[in-house]
Amino acid sequence: MVITHHGGQCFKVTLGDLTLVFDPISKKASLPSVRFGADIAIVSRNHADMNGIDEVTFGGKVPFSITGPGEYERAGVTVQGFLSSSNYGLEKGKESATNTIYALELEDMTLVHLGALSDKELPNTAREGIDKIDVLFVPIGGSPDGDTREGVLSASEGYELAVSLQPKIIIPMHWSGIGVEKSLDTFLSKSGNGSEKLDKLTLKKKDLAGKEGAIIVVTT
């Protein structure tokens, strides 16, 4: 599979002719919108920065859309969605919003996308439902002083949660175009093992051998 980053929390995953996208960016977003065709579109938070399904309905492709908790299967891809909370982009008077954590089985690997998570720990349903994690996408752009200015995990909180989940690979998100300034630098400073920056991540199951919490920044 090939993973590319398109800003915010948007990642495109391609496997041969199959294209999957997490949190596609819409035309109404604060970020530049995406424009490509996807077979599967997965939305963690119903917000313009993450719900651009129309923008990935393109080139003759109409995506199978997944927008909340539950179990799904499409084109050989198994998806589980787990209910959690987010404080990102709240409407006036709202104290929290629904966020969905997704676990996917692709090419004998488990990918977990935490979405715009603000909870410092995973809900029990997610912890019980996710056996192992090969690739973890974690938001890191929240305010370090705990206010709701960005509404997701801060760099420190994101790092602590990521390490506790023991994934093979950690991919930080919510730092490009949105998030607190220099949140990526803060996140990377937490790791004594260093990190790797790539414009795209090409990954096969065999590439995971020997990796334990390796941080890979997929640039935009």
Protein backbone atom coordinates (compact mmCIF):
# COMPACT_ATOMS: atom_id res chain seq x y z
CA MET A 1 0.00 0.00 0.00
CA VAL A 2 0.98 3.63 -0.52
CA ILE A 3 -0.01 6.30 2.01
CA THR A 4 0.04 10.01 1.14
CA HIS A 5 -0.90 13.02 3.29
CA HIS A 6 -3.12 15.80 1.96
CA GLY A 7 -3.16 18.12 4.98
CA GLY A 8 -5.05 18.12 8.25
CA GLN A 9 -6.20 14.58 8.94
CA CYS A 10 -6.59 13.58 5.30
CA PHE A 11 -4.65 10.54 4.15
CA LYS A 12 -5.07 8.67 0.88
CA VAL A 13 -4.28 4.96 0.90
CA THR A 14 -3.91 3.17 -2.43
CA LEU A 15 -3.72 -0.58 -2.98
CA GLY A 16 -3.48 -1.34 -6.67
CA ASP A 17 -6.69 -0.01 -8.24
CA LEU A 18 -8.35 0.59 -4.86
CA THR A 19 -8.26 4.07 -3.31
CA LEU A 20 -9.32 4.75 0.26
CA VAL A 21 -9.33 8.13 1.99
CA PHE A 22 -9.51 9.19 5.62
CA ASP A 23 -11.11 12.56 6.46
CA PRO A 24 -11.26 14.12 2.97
CA ILE A 25 -11.18 17.91 3.05
CA SER A 26 -14.25 19.70 1.64
CA LYS A 27 -14.56 22.92 -0.32
CA LYS A 28 -15.98 24.65 2.77
CA ALA A 29 -12.93 23.80 4.88
CA SER A 30 -10.26 26.09 6.28
CA LEU A 31 -7.75 23.91 4.38
CA PRO A 32 -7.25 23.48 0.63
CA SER A 33 -9.82 20.91 -0.50
CA VAL A 34 -8.81 17.62 -2.08
CA ARG A 35 -9.84 16.47 -5.55
CA PHE A 36 -9.40 12.84 -6.49
CA GLY A 37 -11.54 9.76 -6.84
CA ALA A 38 -11.91 7.30 -3.98
CA ASP A 39 -13.57 3.92 -3.66
CA ILE A 40 -13.99 4.21 0.12
CA ALA A 41 -14.29 7.48 2.08
CA ILE A 42 -14.00 7.36 5.87
CA VAL A 43 -15.08 10.38 7.95
CA SER A 44 -14.25 10.65 11.65
CA ARG A 45 -15.84 14.02 12.43
CA ASN A 46 -18.72 15.76 10.66
CA HIS A 47 -16.82 18.97 9.99
CA ALA A 48 -15.83 20.63 6.73
CA ASP A 49 -12.15 19.97 7.40
CA MET A 50 -12.90 16.22 7.42
CA ASN A 51 -16.15 15.42 5.60
CA GLY A 52 -15.47 16.21 1.94
CA ILE A 53 -17.08 13.15 0.39
CA ASP A 54 -18.19 15.19 -2.64
CA GLU A 55 -14.57 16.10 -3.34
CA VAL A 56 -13.56 12.43 -3.66
CA THR A 57 -16.55 11.63 -5.87
CA PHE A 58 -14.51 12.19 -9.00
CA GLY A 59 -13.21 10.55 -12.14
CA GLY A 60 -16.11 8.11 -12.35
CA LYS A 61 -15.68 6.96 -8.75
CA VAL A 62 -18.47 7.24 -6.20
CA PRO A 63 -17.08 6.26 -2.79
CA PHE A 64 -18.67 3.92 -0.31
CA SER A 65 -19.00 6.34 2.60
CA ILE A 66 -18.39 5.45 6.23
CA THR A 67 -19.36 8.22 8.63
CA GLY A 68 -19.82 6.70 12.06
CA PRO A 69 -19.46 3.77 14.44
CA GLY A 70 -20.26 0.25 13.25
CA GLU A 71 -18.84 -2.62 11.22
CA TYR A 72 -18.35 -2.37 7.48
CA GLU A 73 -16.92 -4.41 4.63
CA ARG A 74 -16.23 -3.19 1.11
CA ALA A 75 -13.98 -4.46 -1.65
CA GLY A 76 -12.26 -6.84 0.74
CA VAL A 77 -11.58 -4.09 3.28
CA THR A 78 -12.93 -4.62 6.82
CA VAL A 79 -13.64 -1.48 8.85
CA GLN A 80 -14.70 -1.08 12.46
CA GLY A 81 -15.78 2.30 13.83
CA PHE A 82 -15.73 3.09 17.55
CA LEU A 83 -17.56 5.98 19.21
CA SER A 84 -15.42 8.62 20.93
CA SER A 85 -15.42 12.39 21.54
CA SER A 86 -13.95 15.48 19.93
CA ASN A 87 -13.87 19.15 20.86
CA TYR A 88 -12.77 20.23 17.39
CA GLY A 89 -14.77 22.92 15.60
CA LEU A 90 -17.69 22.85 18.03
CA GLU A 91 -20.89 24.69 17.27
CA LYS A 92 -21.88 27.41 19.70
CA GLY A 93 -23.35 25.93 22.87
CA LYS A 94 -21.93 22.45 22.26
CA GLU A 95 -19.52 20.94 24.77
CA SER A 96 -18.38 18.00 22.61
CA ALA A 97 -19.06 16.27 19.32
CA THR A 98 -19.04 12.74 18.02
CA ASN A 99 -15.72 11.42 16.77
CA THR A 100 -15.22 7.97 15.31
CA ILE A 101 -12.04 5.95 15.71
CA TYR A 102 -11.54 3.55 12.80
CA ALA A 103 -9.64 0.27 12.62
CA LEU A 104 -9.06 -1.22 9.16
CA GLU A 105 -7.67 -4.52 7.97
CA LEU A 106 -5.64 -4.05 4.79
CA GLU A 107 -3.12 -6.49 3.27
CA ASP A 108 -2.83 -8.33 6.60
CA MET A 109 -2.08 -5.07 8.42
CA THR A 110 -4.20 -3.14 10.92
CA LEU A 111 -4.47 0.63 10.42
CA VAL A 112 -6.05 2.76 13.15
CA HIS A 113 -7.08 6.37 12.52
CA LEU A 114 -8.02 8.22 15.71
CA GLY A 115 -9.76 11.09 13.94
CA ALA A 116 -10.16 14.41 15.78
CA LEU A 117 -9.88 12.69 19.15
CA SER A 118 -9.85 14.80 22.30
CA ASP A 119 -10.06 11.93 24.83
CA LYS A 120 -6.72 11.12 26.43
CA GLU A 121 -7.56 7.43 26.52
CA LEU A 122 -9.40 5.17 24.10
CA PRO A 123 -12.93 4.17 25.05
CA ASN A 124 -13.26 0.62 26.35
CA THR A 125 -15.03 -0.53 23.20
CA ALA A 126 -12.05 0.49 21.09
CA ARG A 127 -9.48 -1.01 23.44
CA GLU A 128 -11.38 -4.28 23.49
CA GLY A 129 -12.09 -4.28 19.76
CA ILE A 130 -8.59 -3.48 18.51
CA ASP A 131 -6.20 -6.36 19.05
CA LYS A 132 -2.99 -4.97 17.60
CA ILE A 133 -2.01 -1.89 15.64
CA ASP A 134 0.46 -1.83 12.79
CA VAL A 135 -0.05 1.80 11.70
CA LEU A 136 -1.53 4.46 14.01
CA PHE A 137 -2.64 7.91 12.81
CA VAL A 138 -2.74 10.20 15.86
CA PRO A 139 -3.80 13.88 16.14
CA ILE A 140 -1.21 16.09 17.83
CA GLY A 141 -2.30 19.68 17.17
CA GLY A 142 -4.23 20.50 20.33
CA SER A 143 -3.39 23.28 22.73
CA PRO A 144 -0.79 22.27 25.33
CA ASP A 145 -2.61 24.15 28.11
CA GLY A 146 -5.73 22.01 27.79
CA ASP A 147 -8.16 24.59 26.40
CA THR A 148 -10.41 23.76 23.45
CA ARG A 149 -8.78 26.07 20.93
CA GLU A 150 -7.90 23.18 18.66
CA GLY A 151 -10.09 20.54 20.27
CA VAL A 152 -7.84 17.51 19.73
CA LEU A 153 -5.00 15.86 21.63
CA SER A 154 -1.95 18.02 22.24
CA ALA A 155 1.48 16.89 21.04
CA SER A 156 2.31 15.51 24.49
CA GLU A 157 -1.05 13.80 24.93
CA GLY A 158 -0.90 12.35 21.43
CA TYR A 159 2.56 10.96 22.02
CA GLU A 160 1.64 9.39 25.36
CA LEU A 161 -1.47 7.73 23.94
CA ALA A 162 0.34 6.53 20.83
CA VAL A 163 3.14 4.91 22.82
CA SER A 164 0.64 3.24 25.17
CA LEU A 165 -1.07 1.56 22.21
CA GLN A 166 2.23 -0.02 21.08
CA PRO A 167 1.84 0.33 17.30
CA LYS A 168 4.55 -0.64 14.86
CA ILE A 169 4.40 2.75 13.14
CA ILE A 170 3.08 6.10 14.41
CA ILE A 171 2.01 8.74 11.88
CA PRO A 172 1.22 12.16 13.43
CA MET A 173 -1.58 14.27 11.92
CA HIS A 174 -3.51 17.50 12.56
CA TRP A 175 -0.32 19.53 12.33
CA SER A 176 -0.35 20.55 8.64
CA GLY A 177 -2.63 23.49 7.91
CA ILE A 178 -4.46 23.13 11.24
CA GLY A 179 -3.31 22.69 14.80
CA VAL A 180 -1.16 24.65 17.22
CA GLU A 181 2.00 26.14 15.73
CA LYS A 182 5.07 23.89 16.01
CA SER A 183 3.00 20.99 17.34
CA LEU A 184 4.95 18.62 15.10
CA ASP A 185 8.27 19.85 16.52
CA THR A 186 6.96 19.33 20.05
CA PHE A 187 5.73 15.85 19.20
CA LEU A 188 9.02 14.81 17.63
CA SER A 189 10.99 16.15 20.59
CA LYS A 190 9.21 13.60 22.81
CA SER A 191 10.81 10.69 21.00
CA GLY A 192 14.36 9.69 21.77
CA ASN A 193 14.32 7.22 18.89
CA GLY A 194 14.26 9.80 16.14
CA SER A 195 11.84 9.94 13.23
CA GLU A 196 11.67 9.70 9.47
CA LYS A 197 10.09 12.15 7.03
CA LEU A 198 8.70 10.89 3.72
CA ASP A 199 6.58 12.42 0.97
CA LYS A 200 4.80 9.07 0.73
CA LEU A 201 4.95 5.85 2.70
CA THR A 202 5.11 2.63 0.69
CA LEU A 203 4.41 -0.25 3.04
CA LYS A 204 4.23 -4.03 2.93
CA LYS A 205 3.73 -6.43 5.82
CA LYS A 206 7.39 -7.48 5.74
CA ASP A 207 8.46 -3.85 6.27
CA LEU A 208 7.00 -3.93 9.79
CA ALA A 209 9.51 -6.49 11.00
CA GLY A 210 11.53 -5.07 13.89
CA LYS A 211 9.55 -1.83 14.12
CA GLU A 212 8.20 -0.77 17.51
CA GLY A 213 6.70 2.70 17.72
CA ALA A 214 8.64 4.05 14.73
CA ILE A 215 7.55 7.62 13.99
CA ILE A 216 7.08 8.44 10.33
CA VAL A 217 6.01 11.92 9.27
CA VAL A 218 4.24 11.80 5.94
CA THR A 219 4.66 15.31 4.58
CA THR A 220 2.15 17.19 2.46
